[in-house]
Amino acid sequence: MIVWLAWGRKLVARNCYFNFFFRNKEMMFAGGVISLLEEMISNPNSHGSATVLYLNLSFLEEAKPVIDSSPAVPFLTQILRANTEPQCKLDALHALYYISTLPSNILNLISAGIVSGLQSLLTASGDHTWAEKIIAVLINLASCQSGKDEIISAPGVFGGLATMLDIGEPIEQEQAVSCLLILCEGNEKCSQIVLQDRLIPTLVSMSVNGTYRGKEKAQKLLMLFREQRQRDQTPPAEMHRLAEVG
């Protein structure tokens, strides 16, 4: 009982803190709270509070490039891999999602090692609690060619996406197939990785039984693989002739 009361007080205090800062984030950002946060992340005891503050600031469009150019991104990506409280990881993940919605931030996120951090969460045994948000960040990263290349070079990501296709909730399956479609378009190496994971039966099933968007994405991905297979089976001379005819 004592443990639960202590946990409850901690949760209430955190929510009050979160709500106060959320209502006043514009004022605090203008007042230079970023500098204060840079001091806070140097103290391990302040990491949870700093992560909550970064999450609140990440809602502000004007704050996103400032956060990206500060030590925040390496700090938040490290939190994803650290042995810390789940709530702290979740706050970091959401903050990184909002930061990644600004395309100019993506290169710095990649340099900070965000893909390996996301991979460690996505492939965590039996834990799909945050899968939808993890995949949403991956989709944002894949909008940049450098991000796409980084994801493709991390094979563990594909294993996590394959798991989501097999056992995820419908919305997670939809997100996973959307991510795979973005990665595979114009990249035969990525297509080969997916085909090696023997996902075709899962994609066929999803093209029939998935959500509306999930069906659409699964059908497009299957068509992409079919077109690639046809190109691979067509002799070079025939390909040249078809190109001339076209």
Protein backbone atom coordinates (compact mmCIF):
# COMPACT_ATOMS: atom_id res chain seq x y z
CA MET A 1 0.00 0.00 0.00
CA ILE A 2 2.81 2.43 0.90
CA VAL A 3 4.52 1.73 -2.42
CA TRP A 4 1.31 2.40 -4.37
CA LEU A 5 0.67 5.64 -2.45
CA ALA A 6 4.21 6.82 -3.17
CA TRP A 7 3.83 5.96 -6.85
CA GLY A 8 0.46 7.76 -6.96
CA ARG A 9 1.91 10.92 -5.41
CA LYS A 10 4.78 10.82 -7.89
CA LEU A 11 2.37 10.46 -10.82
CA VAL A 12 0.16 13.33 -9.60
CA ALA A 13 3.21 15.56 -9.07
CA ARG A 14 4.48 14.73 -12.55
CA ASN A 15 1.12 15.50 -14.16
CA CYS A 16 0.84 18.83 -12.34
CA TYR A 17 4.36 19.71 -13.44
CA PHE A 18 3.57 18.67 -17.01
CA ASN A 19 0.32 20.66 -17.13
CA PHE A 20 1.90 23.81 -15.69
CA PHE A 21 4.74 23.77 -18.18
CA PHE A 22 2.41 22.88 -21.06
CA ARG A 23 0.28 25.96 -20.38
CA ASN A 24 3.34 28.20 -20.11
CA LYS A 25 5.73 26.64 -22.62
CA GLU A 26 5.79 29.63 -24.99
CA MET A 27 6.73 31.98 -22.15
CA MET A 28 9.38 29.63 -20.80
CA PHE A 29 10.87 29.02 -24.24
CA ALA A 30 11.11 32.77 -24.83
CA GLY A 31 12.71 33.10 -21.39
CA GLY A 32 15.61 30.83 -22.34
CA VAL A 33 14.62 27.53 -20.74
CA ILE A 34 16.79 25.67 -23.29
CA SER A 35 19.93 26.84 -21.48
CA LEU A 36 18.52 25.60 -18.18
CA LEU A 37 17.77 22.22 -19.75
CA GLU A 38 21.36 21.89 -20.96
CA GLU A 39 22.43 22.17 -17.31
CA MET A 40 19.77 19.72 -16.16
CA ILE A 41 20.80 16.92 -18.51
CA SER A 42 24.30 16.96 -17.02
CA ASN A 43 22.74 15.70 -13.76
CA PRO A 44 21.40 12.10 -13.95
CA ASN A 45 18.90 12.88 -11.18
CA SER A 46 17.25 15.47 -13.43
CA HIS A 47 16.92 13.35 -16.56
CA GLY A 48 13.25 12.52 -16.04
CA SER A 49 12.27 16.15 -15.50
CA ALA A 50 14.42 17.34 -18.41
CA THR A 51 12.79 14.80 -20.72
CA VAL A 52 9.30 16.00 -19.76
CA LEU A 53 10.33 19.61 -20.45
CA TYR A 54 11.80 18.72 -23.83
CA LEU A 55 8.59 16.88 -24.69
CA ASN A 56 6.53 19.98 -23.91
CA LEU A 57 8.82 22.25 -25.92
CA SER A 58 8.76 19.88 -28.89
CA PHE A 59 5.12 20.87 -29.51
CA LEU A 60 6.30 24.37 -30.47
CA GLU A 61 7.27 24.76 -34.12
CA GLU A 62 9.72 27.54 -33.28
CA ALA A 63 11.38 25.36 -30.64
CA LYS A 64 12.01 22.31 -32.88
CA PRO A 65 15.09 23.67 -34.72
CA VAL A 66 16.49 25.12 -31.46
CA ILE A 67 16.12 21.77 -29.68
CA ASP A 68 17.70 20.02 -32.66
CA SER A 69 20.78 22.25 -32.54
CA SER A 70 21.20 21.76 -28.77
CA PRO A 71 22.52 18.72 -26.84
CA ALA A 72 18.90 17.57 -26.53
CA VAL A 73 18.86 15.17 -29.48
CA PRO A 74 21.86 13.05 -28.34
CA PHE A 75 20.40 13.10 -24.82
CA LEU A 76 16.94 11.95 -25.90
CA THR A 77 18.26 9.23 -28.22
CA GLN A 78 20.45 7.94 -25.41
CA ILE A 79 17.38 7.76 -23.14
CA LEU A 80 15.82 5.30 -25.61
CA ARG A 81 18.71 2.88 -24.98
CA ALA A 82 19.30 3.66 -21.31
CA ASN A 83 18.26 1.51 -18.37
CA THR A 84 15.73 4.03 -17.12
CA GLU A 85 12.06 4.23 -16.22
CA PRO A 86 9.59 3.33 -19.00
CA GLN A 87 7.82 6.68 -18.61
CA CYS A 88 11.07 8.52 -19.26
CA LYS A 89 11.64 6.46 -22.41
CA LEU A 90 8.09 7.14 -23.56
CA ASP A 91 8.50 10.89 -23.03
CA ALA A 92 11.77 10.83 -25.00
CA LEU A 93 10.15 8.87 -27.82
CA HIS A 94 7.28 11.34 -28.14
CA ALA A 95 9.65 14.31 -28.02
CA LEU A 96 11.76 12.77 -30.80
CA TYR A 97 8.63 12.17 -32.84
CA TYR A 98 7.66 15.84 -32.75
CA ILE A 99 11.24 16.91 -33.47
CA SER A 100 11.36 14.54 -36.46
CA THR A 101 8.32 16.19 -38.06
CA LEU A 102 10.64 19.03 -39.13
CA PRO A 103 12.56 17.68 -42.18
CA SER A 104 15.62 19.85 -41.55
CA ASN A 105 16.12 18.08 -38.20
CA ILE A 106 16.40 14.59 -39.65
CA LEU A 107 20.12 14.55 -40.48
CA ASN A 108 21.02 15.51 -36.91
CA LEU A 109 18.67 12.86 -35.54
CA ILE A 110 20.39 10.25 -37.68
CA SER A 111 23.84 11.41 -36.59
CA ALA A 112 22.75 11.07 -32.97
CA GLY A 113 21.96 7.38 -33.49
CA ILE A 114 18.18 7.56 -33.33
CA VAL A 115 17.71 4.51 -35.58
CA SER A 116 19.57 2.18 -33.24
CA GLY A 117 17.57 3.58 -30.32
CA LEU A 118 14.28 2.98 -32.10
CA GLN A 119 15.43 -0.48 -33.12
CA SER A 120 16.16 -1.40 -29.50
CA LEU A 121 12.60 -0.45 -28.52
CA LEU A 122 10.93 -2.00 -31.55
CA THR A 123 12.63 -5.35 -31.08
CA ALA A 124 12.13 -5.48 -27.30
CA SER A 125 10.76 -8.92 -26.49
CA GLY A 126 6.99 -8.94 -26.18
CA ASP A 127 6.66 -5.16 -25.85
CA HIS A 128 4.56 -3.50 -28.55
CA THR A 129 3.19 -0.73 -26.33
CA TRP A 130 4.92 2.03 -28.26
CA ALA A 131 5.14 0.40 -31.68
CA GLU A 132 2.83 2.85 -33.44
CA LYS A 133 4.85 5.90 -32.35
CA ILE A 134 8.19 4.19 -33.07
CA ILE A 135 7.08 3.38 -36.62
CA ALA A 136 5.76 6.94 -37.03
CA VAL A 137 9.25 8.26 -36.26
CA LEU A 138 10.77 5.79 -38.74
CA ILE A 139 8.35 7.02 -41.42
CA ASN A 140 9.43 10.61 -40.76
CA LEU A 141 13.09 9.61 -41.01
CA ALA A 142 12.46 7.70 -44.26
CA SER A 143 11.24 10.89 -45.93
CA CYS A 144 14.94 11.78 -46.24
CA GLN A 145 17.22 9.60 -48.38
CA SER A 146 19.88 9.56 -45.66
CA GLY A 147 17.27 8.40 -43.19
CA LYS A 148 16.07 5.70 -45.55
CA ASP A 149 19.63 4.47 -46.05
CA GLU A 150 20.25 4.39 -42.30
CA ILE A 151 17.10 2.36 -41.63
CA ILE A 152 17.88 -0.11 -44.42
CA SER A 153 21.36 -0.65 -42.97
CA ALA A 154 19.80 -1.64 -39.62
CA PRO A 155 18.34 -5.12 -40.33
CA GLY A 156 16.85 -5.37 -36.85
CA VAL A 157 14.31 -2.74 -37.85
CA PHE A 158 12.89 -5.06 -40.52
CA GLY A 159 12.54 -7.84 -37.98
CA GLY A 160 10.55 -5.51 -35.74
CA LEU A 161 8.34 -4.37 -38.61
CA ALA A 162 7.78 -8.00 -39.63
CA THR A 163 6.69 -8.81 -36.08
CA MET A 164 4.22 -5.94 -36.16
CA LEU A 165 2.77 -7.27 -39.42
CA ASP A 166 2.35 -10.71 -37.87
CA ILE A 167 0.99 -9.97 -34.41
CA GLY A 168 0.44 -6.22 -34.14
CA GLU A 169 -2.87 -4.44 -33.72
CA PRO A 170 -4.53 -3.31 -37.00
CA ILE A 171 -3.22 0.26 -36.67
CA GLU A 172 0.30 -1.06 -35.99
CA GLN A 173 0.08 -3.30 -39.04
CA GLU A 174 -1.05 -0.34 -41.12
CA GLN A 175 1.89 1.76 -39.91
CA ALA A 176 4.35 -1.09 -40.48
CA VAL A 177 3.28 -1.74 -44.07
CA SER A 178 3.29 2.02 -44.79
CA CYS A 179 6.87 2.21 -43.55
CA LEU A 180 7.94 -0.81 -45.62
CA LEU A 181 6.37 0.69 -48.74
CA ILE A 182 8.26 3.97 -48.30
CA LEU A 183 11.52 2.10 -47.72
CA CYS A 184 11.13 -0.29 -50.65
CA GLU A 185 10.05 2.21 -53.30
CA GLY A 186 13.05 2.78 -55.54
CA ASN A 187 15.27 0.50 -53.47
CA GLU A 188 15.64 -3.12 -54.61
CA LYS A 189 18.01 -3.93 -51.75
CA CYS A 190 15.25 -3.16 -49.29
CA SER A 191 12.79 -5.24 -51.30
CA GLN A 192 15.15 -8.21 -51.18
CA ILE A 193 15.46 -7.89 -47.39
CA VAL A 194 11.68 -7.93 -47.02
CA LEU A 195 11.28 -10.87 -49.40
CA GLN A 196 13.89 -12.83 -47.47
CA ASP A 197 11.77 -12.40 -44.34
CA ARG A 198 8.99 -14.33 -46.15
CA LEU A 199 6.37 -11.66 -45.56
CA ILE A 200 4.40 -12.30 -48.75
CA PRO A 201 1.70 -14.50 -47.10
CA THR A 202 1.26 -11.91 -44.35
CA LEU A 203 0.97 -9.10 -46.90
CA VAL A 204 -1.53 -11.10 -48.96
CA SER A 205 -3.65 -11.68 -45.85
CA MET A 206 -3.41 -8.01 -44.92
CA SER A 207 -4.42 -6.94 -48.44
CA VAL A 208 -7.72 -8.72 -47.78
CA ASN A 209 -8.30 -8.37 -44.03
CA GLY A 210 -6.44 -5.22 -43.00
CA THR A 211 -7.73 -1.71 -42.36
CA TYR A 212 -8.74 0.33 -45.41
CA ARG A 213 -5.34 2.04 -45.60
CA GLY A 214 -3.57 -1.18 -44.61
CA LYS A 215 -5.17 -3.05 -47.53
CA GLU A 216 -4.19 -0.27 -49.93
CA LYS A 217 -0.56 -0.17 -48.77
CA ALA A 218 -0.23 -3.97 -48.75
CA GLN A 219 -1.57 -4.17 -52.31
CA LYS A 220 0.87 -1.48 -53.48
CA LEU A 221 3.78 -3.28 -51.81
CA LEU A 222 2.84 -6.61 -53.39
CA MET A 223 2.56 -4.93 -56.80
CA LEU A 224 5.99 -3.36 -56.28
CA PHE A 225 7.50 -6.80 -55.62
CA ARG A 226 5.70 -8.27 -58.62
CA GLU A 227 6.99 -5.55 -60.94
CA GLN A 228 10.51 -6.02 -59.61
CA ARG A 229 10.33 -9.79 -60.18
CA GLN A 230 9.16 -9.22 -63.74
CA ARG A 231 12.08 -6.87 -64.38
CA ASP A 232 14.51 -9.41 -62.95
CA GLN A 233 13.13 -12.14 -65.22
CA THR A 234 13.18 -10.01 -68.38
CA PRO A 235 16.39 -10.37 -70.46
CA PRO A 236 18.37 -7.11 -70.85
CA ALA A 237 17.77 -7.04 -74.62
CA GLU A 238 14.01 -7.33 -74.10
CA MET A 239 14.10 -4.58 -71.47
CA HIS A 240 15.90 -2.33 -73.97
CA ARG A 241 13.32 -3.11 -76.63
CA LEU A 242 10.45 -2.38 -74.27
CA ALA A 243 12.06 0.92 -73.31
CA GLU A 244 12.31 1.90 -76.98
CA VAL A 245 8.68 0.97 -77.56
CA GLY A 246 7.61 2.99 -74.53
